[in-house]
Amino acid sequence: MSAKSVLIVPPRWPLAERLRADGHEVVEADGPAEAVERADAGVDAVLLDIRLPDEVALAVLAGVRDRDPDPPVILLAGREDAALVTTAL
């Protein structure tokens, strides 16, 4: 398997360290503008925490998808986030 570039929003240290240990390049962003800017540079996948404040996750998702619809986006969510996940999909 070849190494991939993965954008994590917001940064999650244990997850980032695991991906790096597996040989992947990890790019991290704290908010929507930074996430879209980093996605513009080219990433193979996006890991997005849907529980960012004020539905910021939806803004990140929309911004990434508007620029490049190809990278898969994996939404990290808890059981209580079902309605927000449905909106994101």
PDB file of N, CA and C in Angstrom:
ATOM      1  N   MET A   1       0.845  -1.179   0.000  1.00  0.00           N
ATOM      2  CA  MET A   1       0.000   0.000   0.000  1.00  0.00           C
ATOM      3  C   MET A   1       0.890   1.243   0.000  1.00  0.00           C
ATOM      4  N   SER A   2       0.601   2.171  -0.877  1.00  0.00           N
ATOM      5  CA  SER A   2       1.398   3.395  -0.935  1.00  0.00           C
ATOM      6  C   SER A   2       0.925   4.394   0.119  1.00  0.00           C
ATOM      7  N   ALA A   3       1.833   5.246   0.558  1.00  0.00           N
ATOM      8  CA  ALA A   3       1.512   6.247   1.567  1.00  0.00           C
ATOM      9  C   ALA A   3       0.513   7.248   1.000  1.00  0.00           C
ATOM     10  N   LYS A   4      -0.372   7.702   1.846  1.00  0.00           N
ATOM     11  CA  LYS A   4      -1.395   8.676   1.482  1.00  0.00           C
ATOM     12  C   LYS A   4      -1.242   9.927   2.322  1.00  0.00           C
ATOM     13  N   SER A   5      -1.758  11.028   1.801  1.00  0.00           N
ATOM     14  CA  SER A   5      -1.812  12.281   2.521  1.00  0.00           C
ATOM     15  C   SER A   5      -3.206  12.415   3.122  1.00  0.00           C
ATOM     16  N   VAL A   6      -3.271  12.590   4.439  1.00  0.00           N
ATOM     17  CA  VAL A   6      -4.550  12.626   5.144  1.00  0.00           C
ATOM     18  C   VAL A   6      -4.677  13.947   5.895  1.00  0.00           C
ATOM     19  N   LEU A   7      -5.779  14.651   5.655  1.00  0.00           N
ATOM     20  CA  LEU A   7      -6.091  15.890   6.368  1.00  0.00           C
ATOM     21  C   LEU A   7      -6.972  15.540   7.554  1.00  0.00           C
ATOM     22  N   ILE A   8      -6.584  15.974   8.761  1.00  0.00           N
ATOM     23  CA  ILE A   8      -7.374  15.742   9.970  1.00  0.00           C
ATOM     24  C   ILE A   8      -7.853  17.096  10.488  1.00  0.00           C
ATOM     25  N   VAL A   9      -9.177  17.222  10.676  1.00  0.00           N
ATOM     26  CA  VAL A   9      -9.782  18.463  11.149  1.00  0.00           C
ATOM     27  C   VAL A   9     -10.738  18.149  12.292  1.00  0.00           C
ATOM     28  N   PRO A  10     -10.551  18.720  13.471  1.00  0.00           N
ATOM     29  CA  PRO A  10      -9.372  19.399  13.974  1.00  0.00           C
ATOM     30  C   PRO A  10      -8.283  18.370  14.307  1.00  0.00           C
ATOM     31  N   PRO A  11      -7.083  18.841  14.644  1.00  0.00           N
ATOM     32  CA  PRO A  11      -5.994  17.913  14.937  1.00  0.00           C
ATOM     33  C   PRO A  11      -6.356  16.917  16.036  1.00  0.00           C
ATOM     34  N   ARG A  12      -5.990  15.690  15.822  1.00  0.00           N
ATOM     35  CA  ARG A  12      -6.191  14.613  16.796  1.00  0.00           C
ATOM     36  C   ARG A  12      -4.863  13.889  16.919  1.00  0.00           C
ATOM     37  N   TRP A  13      -4.109  14.190  17.978  1.00  0.00           N
ATOM     38  CA  TRP A  13      -2.757  13.705  18.109  1.00  0.00           C
ATOM     39  C   TRP A  13      -2.646  12.180  18.016  1.00  0.00           C
ATOM     40  N   PRO A  14      -3.414  11.376  18.770  1.00  0.00           N
ATOM     41  CA  PRO A  14      -3.232   9.916  18.689  1.00  0.00           C
ATOM     42  C   PRO A  14      -3.509   9.364  17.285  1.00  0.00           C
ATOM     43  N   LEU A  15      -4.522   9.883  16.660  1.00  0.00           N
ATOM     44  CA  LEU A  15      -4.858   9.438  15.305  1.00  0.00           C
ATOM     45  C   LEU A  15      -3.757   9.835  14.322  1.00  0.00           C
ATOM     46  N   ALA A  16      -3.275  11.053  14.433  1.00  0.00           N
ATOM     47  CA  ALA A  16      -2.198  11.527  13.561  1.00  0.00           C
ATOM     48  C   ALA A  16      -0.942  10.688  13.744  1.00  0.00           C
ATOM     49  N   GLU A  17      -0.596  10.403  14.987  1.00  0.00           N
ATOM     50  CA  GLU A  17       0.607   9.607  15.251  1.00  0.00           C
ATOM     51  C   GLU A  17       0.471   8.194  14.691  1.00  0.00           C
ATOM     52  N   ARG A  18      -0.699   7.616  14.775  1.00  0.00           N
ATOM     53  CA  ARG A  18      -0.911   6.271  14.230  1.00  0.00           C
ATOM     54  C   ARG A  18      -0.753   6.270  12.707  1.00  0.00           C
ATOM     55  N   LEU A  19      -1.331   7.267  12.066  1.00  0.00           N
ATOM     56  CA  LEU A  19      -1.215   7.362  10.604  1.00  0.00           C
ATOM     57  C   LEU A  19       0.244   7.582  10.185  1.00  0.00           C
ATOM     58  N   ARG A  20       0.941   8.430  10.923  1.00  0.00           N
ATOM     59  CA  ARG A  20       2.364   8.658  10.616  1.00  0.00           C
ATOM     60  C   ARG A  20       3.172   7.369  10.801  1.00  0.00           C
ATOM     61  N   ALA A  21       2.868   6.624  11.863  1.00  0.00           N
ATOM     62  CA  ALA A  21       3.573   5.362  12.108  1.00  0.00           C
ATOM     63  C   ALA A  21       3.337   4.366  10.974  1.00  0.00           C
ATOM     64  N   ASP A  22       2.200   4.474  10.322  1.00  0.00           N
ATOM     65  CA  ASP A  22       1.885   3.603   9.182  1.00  0.00           C
ATOM     66  C   ASP A  22       2.458   4.149   7.870  1.00  0.00           C
ATOM     67  N   GLY A  23       3.187   5.279   7.949  1.00  0.00           N
ATOM     68  CA  GLY A  23       3.866   5.810   6.775  1.00  0.00           C
ATOM     69  C   GLY A  23       3.103   6.861   5.989  1.00  0.00           C
ATOM     70  N   HIS A  24       1.990   7.344   6.526  1.00  0.00           N
ATOM     71  CA  HIS A  24       1.192   8.338   5.813  1.00  0.00           C
ATOM     72  C   HIS A  24       1.632   9.754   6.192  1.00  0.00           C
ATOM     73  N   GLU A  25       1.421  10.677   5.278  1.00  0.00           N
ATOM     74  CA  GLU A  25       1.652  12.095   5.547  1.00  0.00           C
ATOM     75  C   GLU A  25       0.390  12.643   6.188  1.00  0.00           C
ATOM     76  N   VAL A  26       0.533  13.328   7.306  1.00  0.00           N
ATOM     77  CA  VAL A  26      -0.616  13.887   8.015  1.00  0.00           C
ATOM     78  C   VAL A  26      -0.564  15.403   7.925  1.00  0.00           C
ATOM     79  N   VAL A  27      -1.682  15.990   7.500  1.00  0.00           N
ATOM     80  CA  VAL A  27      -1.851  17.434   7.439  1.00  0.00           C
ATOM     81  C   VAL A  27      -2.992  17.742   8.395  1.00  0.00           C
ATOM     82  N   GLU A  28      -2.813  18.750   9.242  1.00  0.00           N
ATOM     83  CA  GLU A  28      -3.841  19.073  10.230  1.00  0.00           C
ATOM     84  C   GLU A  28      -4.310  20.519  10.070  1.00  0.00           C
ATOM     85  N   ALA A  29      -5.580  20.745  10.436  1.00  0.00           N
ATOM     86  CA  ALA A  29      -6.158  22.091  10.362  1.00  0.00           C
ATOM     87  C   ALA A  29      -7.115  22.278  11.527  1.00  0.00           C
ATOM     88  N   ASP A  30      -7.171  23.500  12.046  1.00  0.00           N
ATOM     89  CA  ASP A  30      -8.044  23.801  13.177  1.00  0.00           C
ATOM     90  C   ASP A  30      -9.443  24.246  12.779  1.00  0.00           C
ATOM     91  N   GLY A  31      -9.587  24.905  11.645  1.00  0.00           N
ATOM     92  CA  GLY A  31     -10.886  25.450  11.275  1.00  0.00           C
ATOM     93  C   GLY A  31     -11.127  25.395   9.783  1.00  0.00           C
ATOM     94  N   PRO A  32     -12.278  25.914   9.345  1.00  0.00           N
ATOM     95  CA  PRO A  32     -12.684  25.799   7.944  1.00  0.00           C
ATOM     96  C   PRO A  32     -11.718  26.420   6.944  1.00  0.00           C
ATOM     97  N   ALA A  33     -11.285  27.644   7.179  1.00  0.00           N
ATOM     98  CA  ALA A  33     -10.417  28.314   6.203  1.00  0.00           C
ATOM     99  C   ALA A  33      -9.106  27.560   6.055  1.00  0.00           C
ATOM    100  N   GLU A  34      -8.511  27.176   7.175  1.00  0.00           N
ATOM    101  CA  GLU A  34      -7.252  26.442   7.132  1.00  0.00           C
ATOM    102  C   GLU A  34      -7.439  25.069   6.485  1.00  0.00           C
ATOM    103  N   ALA A  35      -8.554  24.410   6.775  1.00  0.00           N
ATOM    104  CA  ALA A  35      -8.819  23.086   6.204  1.00  0.00           C
ATOM    105  C   ALA A  35      -8.964  23.159   4.689  1.00  0.00           C
ATOM    106  N   VAL A  36      -9.701  24.134   4.200  1.00  0.00           N
ATOM    107  CA  VAL A  36      -9.892  24.278   2.753  1.00  0.00           C
ATOM    108  C   VAL A  36      -8.566  24.621   2.085  1.00  0.00           C
ATOM    109  N   GLU A  37      -7.792  25.497   2.704  1.00  0.00           N
ATOM    110  CA  GLU A  37      -6.486  25.860   2.156  1.00  0.00           C
ATOM    111  C   GLU A  37      -5.571  24.636   2.072  1.00  0.00           C
ATOM    112  N   ARG A  38      -5.556  23.838   3.110  1.00  0.00           N
ATOM    113  CA  ARG A  38      -4.698  22.647   3.112  1.00  0.00           C
ATOM    114  C   ARG A  38      -5.216  21.586   2.144  1.00  0.00           C
ATOM    115  N   ALA A  39      -6.530  21.475   2.014  1.00  0.00           N
ATOM    116  CA  ALA A  39      -7.100  20.528   1.053  1.00  0.00           C
ATOM    117  C   ALA A  39      -6.761  20.953  -0.371  1.00  0.00           C
ATOM    118  N   ASP A  40      -6.718  22.269  -0.618  1.00  0.00           N
ATOM    119  CA  ASP A  40      -6.349  22.792  -1.939  1.00  0.00           C
ATOM    120  C   ASP A  40      -4.959  22.331  -2.360  1.00  0.00           C
ATOM    121  N   ALA A  41      -4.089  22.133  -1.383  1.00  0.00           N
ATOM    122  CA  ALA A  41      -2.725  21.697  -1.681  1.00  0.00           C
ATOM    123  C   ALA A  41      -2.694  20.236  -2.128  1.00  0.00           C
ATOM    124  N   GLY A  42      -3.816  19.553  -1.945  1.00  0.00           N
ATOM    125  CA  GLY A  42      -3.930  18.170  -2.384  1.00  0.00           C
ATOM    126  C   GLY A  42      -3.810  17.175  -1.248  1.00  0.00           C
ATOM    127  N   VAL A  43      -4.875  16.445  -0.983  1.00  0.00           N
ATOM    128  CA  VAL A  43      -4.874  15.371   0.009  1.00  0.00           C
ATOM    129  C   VAL A  43      -5.601  14.172  -0.584  1.00  0.00           C
ATOM    130  N   ASP A  44      -5.288  13.008  -0.053  1.00  0.00           N
ATOM    131  CA  ASP A  44      -5.924  11.781  -0.528  1.00  0.00           C
ATOM    132  C   ASP A  44      -7.198  11.445   0.249  1.00  0.00           C
ATOM    133  N   ALA A  45      -7.313  11.962   1.476  1.00  0.00           N
ATOM    134  CA  ALA A  45      -8.488  11.693   2.303  1.00  0.00           C
ATOM    135  C   ALA A  45      -8.609  12.766   3.372  1.00  0.00           C
ATOM    136  N   VAL A  46      -9.821  12.917   3.902  1.00  0.00           N
ATOM    137  CA  VAL A  46     -10.091  13.887   4.966  1.00  0.00           C
ATOM    138  C   VAL A  46     -10.786  13.161   6.105  1.00  0.00           C
ATOM    139  N   LEU A  47     -10.268  13.332   7.326  1.00  0.00           N
ATOM    140  CA  LEU A  47     -10.927  12.849   8.537  1.00  0.00           C
ATOM    141  C   LEU A  47     -11.473  14.080   9.242  1.00  0.00           C
ATOM    142  N   LEU A  48     -12.783  14.145   9.384  1.00  0.00           N
ATOM    143  CA  LEU A  48     -13.448  15.358   9.859  1.00  0.00           C
ATOM    144  C   LEU A  48     -14.318  15.053  11.070  1.00  0.00           C
ATOM    145  N   ASP A  49     -14.018  15.722  12.192  1.00  0.00           N
ATOM    146  CA  ASP A  49     -14.824  15.571  13.399  1.00  0.00           C
ATOM    147  C   ASP A  49     -16.085  16.406  13.239  1.00  0.00           C
ATOM    148  N   ILE A  50     -17.220  15.746  13.186  1.00  0.00           N
ATOM    149  CA  ILE A  50     -18.496  16.423  12.937  1.00  0.00           C
ATOM    150  C   ILE A  50     -18.921  17.280  14.133  1.00  0.00           C
ATOM    151  N   ARG A  51     -18.275  17.102  15.291  1.00  0.00           N
ATOM    152  CA  ARG A  51     -18.672  17.836  16.491  1.00  0.00           C
ATOM    153  C   ARG A  51     -17.924  19.142  16.689  1.00  0.00           C
ATOM    154  N   LEU A  52     -17.372  19.701  15.640  1.00  0.00           N
ATOM    155  CA  LEU A  52     -16.772  21.027  15.748  1.00  0.00           C
ATOM    156  C   LEU A  52     -17.868  22.020  16.144  1.00  0.00           C
ATOM    157  N   PRO A  53     -17.530  23.080  16.841  1.00  0.00           N
ATOM    158  CA  PRO A  53     -18.560  24.023  17.298  1.00  0.00           C
ATOM    159  C   PRO A  53     -19.299  24.726  16.149  1.00  0.00           C
ATOM    160  N   ASP A  54     -20.562  25.056  16.442  1.00  0.00           N
ATOM    161  CA  ASP A  54     -21.383  25.858  15.532  1.00  0.00           C
ATOM    162  C   ASP A  54     -21.475  25.280  14.118  1.00  0.00           C
ATOM    163  N   GLU A  55     -21.521  23.970  14.045  1.00  0.00           N
ATOM    164  CA  GLU A  55     -21.627  23.287  12.758  1.00  0.00           C
ATOM    165  C   GLU A  55     -20.519  23.688  11.794  1.00  0.00           C
ATOM    166  N   VAL A  56     -19.356  24.004  12.342  1.00  0.00           N
ATOM    167  CA  VAL A  56     -18.190  24.345  11.541  1.00  0.00           C
ATOM    168  C   VAL A  56     -17.835  23.182  10.623  1.00  0.00           C
ATOM    169  N   ALA A  57     -18.099  21.965  11.086  1.00  0.00           N
ATOM    170  CA  ALA A  57     -17.784  20.784  10.273  1.00  0.00           C
ATOM    171  C   ALA A  57     -18.495  20.826   8.928  1.00  0.00           C
ATOM    172  N   LEU A  58     -19.727  21.322   8.905  1.00  0.00           N
ATOM    173  CA  LEU A  58     -20.462  21.407   7.637  1.00  0.00           C
ATOM    174  C   LEU A  58     -19.804  22.416   6.697  1.00  0.00           C
ATOM    175  N   ALA A  59     -19.274  23.497   7.258  1.00  0.00           N
ATOM    176  CA  ALA A  59     -18.567  24.485   6.434  1.00  0.00           C
ATOM    177  C   ALA A  59     -17.285  23.880   5.869  1.00  0.00           C
ATOM    178  N   VAL A  60     -16.576  23.101   6.675  1.00  0.00           N
ATOM    179  CA  VAL A  60     -15.358  22.437   6.196  1.00  0.00           C
ATOM    180  C   VAL A  60     -15.721  21.457   5.086  1.00  0.00           C
ATOM    181  N   LEU A  61     -16.732  20.645   5.319  1.00  0.00           N
ATOM    182  CA  LEU A  61     -17.159  19.658   4.327  1.00  0.00           C
ATOM    183  C   LEU A  61     -17.528  20.334   3.010  1.00  0.00           C
ATOM    184  N   ALA A  62     -18.327  21.389   3.080  1.00  0.00           N
ATOM    185  CA  ALA A  62     -18.740  22.105   1.871  1.00  0.00           C
ATOM    186  C   ALA A  62     -17.539  22.728   1.158  1.00  0.00           C
ATOM    187  N   GLY A  63     -16.639  23.336   1.924  1.00  0.00           N
ATOM    188  CA  GLY A  63     -15.466  23.965   1.323  1.00  0.00           C
ATOM    189  C   GLY A  63     -14.564  22.968   0.633  1.00  0.00           C
ATOM    190  N   VAL A  64     -14.336  21.824   1.259  1.00  0.00           N
ATOM    191  CA  VAL A  64     -13.487  20.792   0.655  1.00  0.00           C
ATOM    192  C   VAL A  64     -14.153  20.232  -0.597  1.00  0.00           C
ATOM    193  N   ARG A  65     -15.432  19.928  -0.514  1.00  0.00           N
ATOM    194  CA  ARG A  65     -16.158  19.357  -1.655  1.00  0.00           C
ATOM    195  C   ARG A  65     -16.264  20.337  -2.824  1.00  0.00           C
ATOM    196  N   ASP A  66     -16.424  21.621  -2.532  1.00  0.00           N
ATOM    197  CA  ASP A  66     -16.502  22.621  -3.601  1.00  0.00           C
ATOM    198  C   ASP A  66     -15.198  22.696  -4.396  1.00  0.00           C
ATOM    199  N   ARG A  67     -14.079  22.499  -3.723  1.00  0.00           N
ATOM    200  CA  ARG A  67     -12.768  22.608  -4.369  1.00  0.00           C
ATOM    201  C   ARG A  67     -12.372  21.328  -5.093  1.00  0.00           C
ATOM    202  N   ASP A  68     -12.670  20.177  -4.454  1.00  0.00           N
ATOM    203  CA  ASP A  68     -12.258  18.891  -5.032  1.00  0.00           C
ATOM    204  C   ASP A  68     -13.170  17.794  -4.485  1.00  0.00           C
ATOM    205  N   PRO A  69     -14.066  17.279  -5.301  1.00  0.00           N
ATOM    206  CA  PRO A  69     -15.017  16.268  -4.818  1.00  0.00           C
ATOM    207  C   PRO A  69     -14.422  14.867  -4.695  1.00  0.00           C
ATOM    208  N   ASP A  70     -13.171  14.663  -5.107  1.00  0.00           N
ATOM    209  CA  ASP A  70     -12.602  13.324  -5.154  1.00  0.00           C
ATOM    210  C   ASP A  70     -12.146  12.716  -3.830  1.00  0.00           C
ATOM    211  N   PRO A  71     -11.447  13.441  -2.959  1.00  0.00           N
ATOM    212  CA  PRO A  71     -10.964  12.764  -1.750  1.00  0.00           C
ATOM    213  C   PRO A  71     -12.124  12.281  -0.877  1.00  0.00           C
ATOM    214  N   PRO A  72     -12.031  11.041  -0.406  1.00  0.00           N
ATOM    215  CA  PRO A  72     -13.075  10.581   0.514  1.00  0.00           C
ATOM    216  C   PRO A  72     -13.010  11.368   1.814  1.00  0.00           C
ATOM    217  N   VAL A  73     -14.184  11.646   2.377  1.00  0.00           N
ATOM    218  CA  VAL A  73     -14.276  12.338   3.657  1.00  0.00           C
ATOM    219  C   VAL A  73     -14.897  11.371   4.649  1.00  0.00           C
ATOM    220  N   ILE A  74     -14.181  11.102   5.731  1.00  0.00           N
ATOM    221  CA  ILE A  74     -14.680  10.229   6.785  1.00  0.00           C
ATOM    222  C   ILE A  74     -15.104  11.118   7.933  1.00  0.00           C
ATOM    223  N   LEU A  75     -16.377  11.019   8.303  1.00  0.00           N
ATOM    224  CA  LEU A  75     -16.916  11.825   9.395  1.00  0.00           C
ATOM    225  C   LEU A  75     -16.749  11.073  10.703  1.00  0.00           C
ATOM    226  N   LEU A  76     -16.072  11.690  11.655  1.00  0.00           N
ATOM    227  CA  LEU A  76     -15.914  11.117  12.989  1.00  0.00           C
ATOM    228  C   LEU A  76     -17.052  11.663  13.840  1.00  0.00           C
ATOM    229  N   ALA A  77     -17.892  10.779  14.329  1.00  0.00           N
ATOM    230  CA  ALA A  77     -19.074  11.228  15.057  1.00  0.00           C
ATOM    231  C   ALA A  77     -19.433  10.250  16.160  1.00  0.00           C
ATOM    232  N   GLY A  78     -20.134  10.760  17.145  1.00  0.00           N
ATOM    233  CA  GLY A  78     -20.680   9.922  18.204  1.00  0.00           C
ATOM    234  C   GLY A  78     -22.136   9.631  17.921  1.00  0.00           C
ATOM    235  N   ARG A  79     -22.693   8.767  18.695  1.00  0.00           N
ATOM    236  CA  ARG A  79     -24.084   8.365  18.496  1.00  0.00           C
ATOM    237  C   ARG A  79     -25.052   9.551  18.563  1.00  0.00           C
ATOM    238  N   GLU A  80     -24.754  10.517  19.418  1.00  0.00           N
ATOM    239  CA  GLU A  80     -25.649  11.668  19.598  1.00  0.00           C
ATOM    240  C   GLU A  80     -25.606  12.641  18.425  1.00  0.00           C
ATOM    241  N   ASP A  81     -24.740  12.405  17.449  1.00  0.00           N
ATOM    242  CA  ASP A  81     -24.580  13.308  16.322  1.00  0.00           C
ATOM    243  C   ASP A  81     -25.334  12.858  15.072  1.00  0.00           C
ATOM    244  N   ALA A  82     -26.275  11.951  15.205  1.00  0.00           N
ATOM    245  CA  ALA A  82     -26.946  11.358  14.047  1.00  0.00           C
ATOM    246  C   ALA A  82     -27.607  12.406  13.156  1.00  0.00           C
ATOM    247  N   ALA A  83     -28.293  13.384  13.720  1.00  0.00           N
ATOM    248  CA  ALA A  83     -28.979  14.388  12.908  1.00  0.00           C
ATOM    249  C   ALA A  83     -27.981  15.235  12.111  1.00  0.00           C
ATOM    250  N   LEU A  84     -26.877  15.602  12.730  1.00  0.00           N
ATOM    251  CA  LEU A  84     -25.863  16.397  12.047  1.00  0.00           C
ATOM    252  C   LEU A  84     -25.196  15.584  10.931  1.00  0.00           C
ATOM    253  N   VAL A  85     -24.939  14.315  11.192  1.00  0.00           N
ATOM    254  CA  VAL A  85     -24.356  13.448  10.151  1.00  0.00           C
ATOM    255  C   VAL A  85     -25.304  13.325   8.972  1.00  0.00           C
ATOM    256  N   THR A  86     -26.597  13.169   9.242  1.00  0.00           N
ATOM    257  CA  THR A  86     -27.591  13.082   8.179  1.00  0.00           C
ATOM    258  C   THR A  86     -27.576  14.356   7.345  1.00  0.00           C
ATOM    259  N   THR A  87     -27.480  15.507   7.989  1.00  0.00           N
ATOM    260  CA  THR A  87     -27.398  16.775   7.261  1.00  0.00           C
ATOM    261  C   THR A  87     -26.152  16.825   6.406  1.00  0.00           C
ATOM    262  N   ALA A  88     -25.022  16.350   6.937  1.00  0.00           N
ATOM    263  CA  ALA A  88     -23.768  16.370   6.185  1.00  0.00           C
ATOM    264  C   ALA A  88     -23.826  15.490   4.947  1.00  0.00           C
ATOM    265  N   LEU A  89     -24.512  14.372   5.062  1.00  0.00           N
ATOM    266  CA  LEU A  89     -24.595  13.463   3.923  1.00  0.00           C
ATOM    267  C   LEU A  89     -25.519  14.012   2.876  1.00  0.00           C
TER     268      LEU A  89
END
